Amino acid sequence: MATAGKSRSTVTLTLFCVKAVLARAVDDGIINRNPAATVEALGAAAVERAHLPAADGDTIVAHVVGD
């Protein structure tokens, strides 16, 4: 996922889910150990995003209210 450019938060959340599912499988006796237990999340650094200018926000609100 990290090499696909996914953010750290996306990778971390996905890994959390995988670890939880595999931990449950261990608890239920389906597998002997959790292979994801020692995996650390890596991911791309957060991307700086531009904010919507207030004037553009006002224009959008005006259009929505006008509908």
C-alpha atoms as a PDB file:
ATOM      1  CA  MET A   1       0.000   0.000   0.000  1.00  0.00           C
ATOM      2  CA  ALA A   2       2.826   2.377   0.814  1.00  0.00           C
ATOM      3  CA  THR A   3       4.375   1.848  -2.620  1.00  0.00           C
ATOM      4  CA  ALA A   4       0.961   2.610  -4.137  1.00  0.00           C
ATOM      5  CA  GLY A   5       1.102   6.055  -2.512  1.00  0.00           C
ATOM      6  CA  LYS A   6      -1.505   5.409   0.193  1.00  0.00           C
ATOM      7  CA  SER A   7      -1.335   7.736   3.193  1.00  0.00           C
ATOM      8  CA  ARG A   8       0.030   6.640   6.545  1.00  0.00           C
ATOM      9  CA  SER A   9      -3.425   6.864   8.095  1.00  0.00           C
ATOM     10  CA  THR A  10      -4.922   4.599   5.405  1.00  0.00           C
ATOM     11  CA  VAL A  11      -2.134   2.061   5.806  1.00  0.00           C
ATOM     12  CA  THR A  12      -2.387   2.188   9.609  1.00  0.00           C
ATOM     13  CA  LEU A  13      -6.170   1.713   9.603  1.00  0.00           C
ATOM     14  CA  THR A  14      -5.950  -1.158   7.126  1.00  0.00           C
ATOM     15  CA  LEU A  15      -3.232  -2.854   9.151  1.00  0.00           C
ATOM     16  CA  PHE A  16      -5.283  -2.401  12.332  1.00  0.00           C
ATOM     17  CA  CYS A  17      -8.221  -4.213  10.690  1.00  0.00           C
ATOM     18  CA  VAL A  18      -6.043  -7.033   9.343  1.00  0.00           C
ATOM     19  CA  LYS A  19      -4.389  -7.517  12.738  1.00  0.00           C
ATOM     20  CA  ALA A  20      -7.788  -7.609  14.455  1.00  0.00           C
ATOM     21  CA  VAL A  21      -9.191 -10.199  12.045  1.00  0.00           C
ATOM     22  CA  LEU A  22      -6.116 -12.393  12.375  1.00  0.00           C
ATOM     23  CA  ALA A  23      -6.131 -12.030  16.185  1.00  0.00           C
ATOM     24  CA  ARG A  24      -9.712 -13.279  16.181  1.00  0.00           C
ATOM     25  CA  ALA A  25      -8.677 -16.204  14.001  1.00  0.00           C
ATOM     26  CA  VAL A  26      -5.979 -17.058  16.562  1.00  0.00           C
ATOM     27  CA  ASP A  27      -8.516 -16.795  19.398  1.00  0.00           C
ATOM     28  CA  ASP A  28     -10.907 -19.083  17.503  1.00  0.00           C
ATOM     29  CA  GLY A  29      -8.148 -21.638  16.886  1.00  0.00           C
ATOM     30  CA  ILE A  30      -8.256 -21.234  13.103  1.00  0.00           C
ATOM     31  CA  ILE A  31      -4.574 -20.254  12.901  1.00  0.00           C
ATOM     32  CA  ASN A  32      -1.733 -20.740  15.381  1.00  0.00           C
ATOM     33  CA  ARG A  33      -0.289 -17.235  15.344  1.00  0.00           C
ATOM     34  CA  ASN A  34      -0.994 -13.787  13.952  1.00  0.00           C
ATOM     35  CA  PRO A  35       1.459 -13.200  11.089  1.00  0.00           C
ATOM     36  CA  ALA A  36       0.641  -9.481  11.106  1.00  0.00           C
ATOM     37  CA  ALA A  37       1.368  -9.007  14.814  1.00  0.00           C
ATOM     38  CA  THR A  38       4.858  -7.603  14.265  1.00  0.00           C
ATOM     39  CA  VAL A  39       4.189  -5.693  11.041  1.00  0.00           C
ATOM     40  CA  GLU A  40       4.673  -1.936  11.265  1.00  0.00           C
ATOM     41  CA  ALA A  41       2.610   0.457   9.192  1.00  0.00           C
ATOM     42  CA  LEU A  42       4.404   2.526   6.596  1.00  0.00           C
ATOM     43  CA  GLY A  43       2.869   4.938   4.179  1.00  0.00           C
ATOM     44  CA  ALA A  44       3.368   8.034   2.129  1.00  0.00           C
ATOM     45  CA  ALA A  45       3.766  11.358   3.865  1.00  0.00           C
ATOM     46  CA  ALA A  46       0.675  13.511   4.056  1.00  0.00           C
ATOM     47  CA  VAL A  47       0.083  15.687   1.019  1.00  0.00           C
ATOM     48  CA  GLU A  48      -0.352  19.416   1.481  1.00  0.00           C
ATOM     49  CA  ARG A  49      -3.742  20.400   0.117  1.00  0.00           C
ATOM     50  CA  ALA A  50      -4.965  23.833  -0.866  1.00  0.00           C
ATOM     51  CA  HIS A  51      -7.882  25.259   1.078  1.00  0.00           C
ATOM     52  CA  LEU A  52     -11.028  26.531  -0.573  1.00  0.00           C
ATOM     53  CA  PRO A  53     -11.022  30.329  -0.529  1.00  0.00           C
ATOM     54  CA  ALA A  54     -13.804  31.829   1.585  1.00  0.00           C
ATOM     55  CA  ALA A  55     -15.275  33.619  -1.436  1.00  0.00           C
ATOM     56  CA  ASP A  56     -15.644  30.308  -3.273  1.00  0.00           C
ATOM     57  CA  GLY A  57     -17.326  28.810  -0.219  1.00  0.00           C
ATOM     58  CA  ASP A  58     -19.758  31.712  -0.121  1.00  0.00           C
ATOM     59  CA  THR A  59     -20.535  31.180  -3.814  1.00  0.00           C
ATOM     60  CA  ILE A  60     -21.255  27.496  -3.238  1.00  0.00           C
ATOM     61  CA  VAL A  61     -23.523  28.268  -0.278  1.00  0.00           C
ATOM     62  CA  ALA A  62     -25.390  30.874  -2.335  1.00  0.00           C
ATOM     63  CA  HIS A  63     -26.018  28.327  -5.097  1.00  0.00           C
ATOM     64  CA  VAL A  64     -27.177  25.649  -2.658  1.00  0.00           C
ATOM     65  CA  VAL A  65     -29.510  28.009  -0.791  1.00  0.00           C
ATOM     66  CA  GLY A  66     -30.854  29.293  -4.112  1.00  0.00           C
ATOM     67  CA  ASP A  67     -31.917  25.781  -5.205  1.00  0.00           C
END
